[in-house]
Amino acid sequence: YNGNSDDFVFDNQMLSQIFFAGFEIAEVTCPTKYFTEASSINFKRSVQYGLGVLKTSVKHRLQMWGVARYSMYSGKTG
């Protein structure tokens, strides 16, 4: 996880690594209310996030198929 993003796409990268490692996950819902200024993202950053999600998904699939190898799935830290 040390090489993962420190931005919005971090959670997507972590989930990809968790699935790649063979773990199962479950979601626990928690009702939340955000005030207007909290967690807002402008259009440019939302596009960057979306592209980051697609990039992570493609990397995950290529790694699963054995077509490519990415350090984010190596299990090594650093």
C-alpha atoms as a PDB file:
ATOM      1  CA  TYR A   1       0.000   0.000   0.000  1.00  0.00           C
ATOM      2  CA  ASN A   2       2.978   2.333   0.427  1.00  0.00           C
ATOM      3  CA  GLY A   3       3.121   2.911  -3.321  1.00  0.00           C
ATOM      4  CA  ASN A   4      -0.589   3.684  -3.584  1.00  0.00           C
ATOM      5  CA  SER A   5      -2.020   7.103  -4.269  1.00  0.00           C
ATOM      6  CA  ASP A   6      -2.649   9.542  -1.443  1.00  0.00           C
ATOM      7  CA  ASP A   7      -5.742  10.830  -3.224  1.00  0.00           C
ATOM      8  CA  PHE A   8      -9.306   9.646  -3.901  1.00  0.00           C
ATOM      9  CA  VAL A   9      -8.232   6.545  -5.907  1.00  0.00           C
ATOM     10  CA  PHE A  10      -6.466   5.053  -2.849  1.00  0.00           C
ATOM     11  CA  ASP A  11      -9.522   3.057  -1.764  1.00  0.00           C
ATOM     12  CA  ASN A  12      -9.878   1.563  -5.237  1.00  0.00           C
ATOM     13  CA  GLN A  13      -6.230   0.511  -5.240  1.00  0.00           C
ATOM     14  CA  MET A  14      -6.570  -1.089  -1.802  1.00  0.00           C
ATOM     15  CA  LEU A  15      -9.671  -3.030  -2.852  1.00  0.00           C
ATOM     16  CA  SER A  16      -7.896  -4.260  -5.974  1.00  0.00           C
ATOM     17  CA  GLN A  17      -4.943  -5.467  -3.893  1.00  0.00           C
ATOM     18  CA  ILE A  18      -7.234  -7.153  -1.368  1.00  0.00           C
ATOM     19  CA  PHE A  19      -9.095  -9.025  -4.116  1.00  0.00           C
ATOM     20  CA  PHE A  20      -5.829  -9.950  -5.839  1.00  0.00           C
ATOM     21  CA  ALA A  21      -4.550 -11.432  -2.565  1.00  0.00           C
ATOM     22  CA  GLY A  22      -7.628 -13.670  -2.456  1.00  0.00           C
ATOM     23  CA  PHE A  23      -9.429 -12.093   0.473  1.00  0.00           C
ATOM     24  CA  GLU A  24     -13.166 -11.640   0.622  1.00  0.00           C
ATOM     25  CA  ILE A  25     -14.690  -8.416   1.861  1.00  0.00           C
ATOM     26  CA  ALA A  26     -18.069  -7.189   3.009  1.00  0.00           C
ATOM     27  CA  GLU A  27     -19.508  -3.743   3.310  1.00  0.00           C
ATOM     28  CA  VAL A  28     -20.833  -2.422   6.589  1.00  0.00           C
ATOM     29  CA  THR A  29     -23.190   0.472   6.042  1.00  0.00           C
ATOM     30  CA  CYS A  30     -22.953   3.536   8.201  1.00  0.00           C
ATOM     31  CA  PRO A  31     -25.375   6.428   7.684  1.00  0.00           C
ATOM     32  CA  THR A  32     -23.387   9.610   7.216  1.00  0.00           C
ATOM     33  CA  LYS A  33     -24.211  13.243   6.573  1.00  0.00           C
ATOM     34  CA  TYR A  34     -21.652  15.593   5.080  1.00  0.00           C
ATOM     35  CA  PHE A  35     -21.711  19.338   5.305  1.00  0.00           C
ATOM     36  CA  THR A  36     -21.437  21.251   2.017  1.00  0.00           C
ATOM     37  CA  GLU A  37     -17.703  21.944   2.233  1.00  0.00           C
ATOM     38  CA  ALA A  38     -16.760  18.364   3.132  1.00  0.00           C
ATOM     39  CA  SER A  39     -15.498  15.910   0.552  1.00  0.00           C
ATOM     40  CA  SER A  40     -16.392  18.022  -2.444  1.00  0.00           C
ATOM     41  CA  ILE A  41     -14.565  17.312  -5.683  1.00  0.00           C
ATOM     42  CA  ASN A  42     -14.533  19.491  -8.769  1.00  0.00           C
ATOM     43  CA  PHE A  43     -15.049  18.221 -12.312  1.00  0.00           C
ATOM     44  CA  LYS A  44     -11.344  18.005 -13.194  1.00  0.00           C
ATOM     45  CA  ARG A  45     -10.515  15.966 -10.084  1.00  0.00           C
ATOM     46  CA  SER A  46     -13.536  13.719 -10.602  1.00  0.00           C
ATOM     47  CA  VAL A  47     -12.327  12.949 -14.150  1.00  0.00           C
ATOM     48  CA  GLN A  48      -8.838  12.231 -12.770  1.00  0.00           C
ATOM     49  CA  TYR A  49     -10.403   9.924 -10.184  1.00  0.00           C
ATOM     50  CA  GLY A  50     -12.441   8.112 -12.836  1.00  0.00           C
ATOM     51  CA  LEU A  51      -9.364   7.610 -15.007  1.00  0.00           C
ATOM     52  CA  GLY A  52      -7.451   6.388 -11.954  1.00  0.00           C
ATOM     53  CA  VAL A  53     -10.168   3.813 -11.262  1.00  0.00           C
ATOM     54  CA  LEU A  54     -10.007   2.621 -14.874  1.00  0.00           C
ATOM     55  CA  LYS A  55      -6.201   2.444 -14.717  1.00  0.00           C
ATOM     56  CA  THR A  56      -6.336   0.400 -11.513  1.00  0.00           C
ATOM     57  CA  SER A  57      -8.945  -1.927 -13.037  1.00  0.00           C
ATOM     58  CA  VAL A  58      -6.861  -2.499 -16.171  1.00  0.00           C
ATOM     59  CA  LYS A  59      -3.728  -3.151 -14.095  1.00  0.00           C
ATOM     60  CA  HIS A  60      -5.649  -5.627 -11.948  1.00  0.00           C
ATOM     61  CA  ARG A  61      -6.968  -7.524 -14.958  1.00  0.00           C
ATOM     62  CA  LEU A  62      -3.577  -7.600 -16.746  1.00  0.00           C
ATOM     63  CA  GLN A  63      -1.920  -8.860 -13.559  1.00  0.00           C
ATOM     64  CA  MET A  64      -4.594 -11.554 -13.135  1.00  0.00           C
ATOM     65  CA  TRP A  65      -4.123 -12.694 -16.744  1.00  0.00           C
ATOM     66  CA  GLY A  66      -0.342 -12.776 -16.318  1.00  0.00           C
ATOM     67  CA  VAL A  67       0.120 -10.291 -19.168  1.00  0.00           C
ATOM     68  CA  ALA A  68       1.903  -7.743 -16.965  1.00  0.00           C
ATOM     69  CA  ARG A  69       3.386  -7.529 -13.492  1.00  0.00           C
ATOM     70  CA  TYR A  70       2.871  -4.520 -11.245  1.00  0.00           C
ATOM     71  CA  SER A  71       4.680  -3.863  -7.986  1.00  0.00           C
ATOM     72  CA  MET A  72       1.411  -2.916  -6.290  1.00  0.00           C
ATOM     73  CA  TYR A  73       0.529  -6.636  -6.344  1.00  0.00           C
ATOM     74  CA  SER A  74       3.919  -7.965  -5.258  1.00  0.00           C
ATOM     75  CA  GLY A  75       3.156  -8.005  -1.544  1.00  0.00           C
ATOM     76  CA  LYS A  76       6.380  -6.165  -0.824  1.00  0.00           C
ATOM     77  CA  THR A  77       6.398  -2.938   1.138  1.00  0.00           C
ATOM     78  CA  GLY A  78       8.350   0.130   0.229  1.00  0.00           C
END
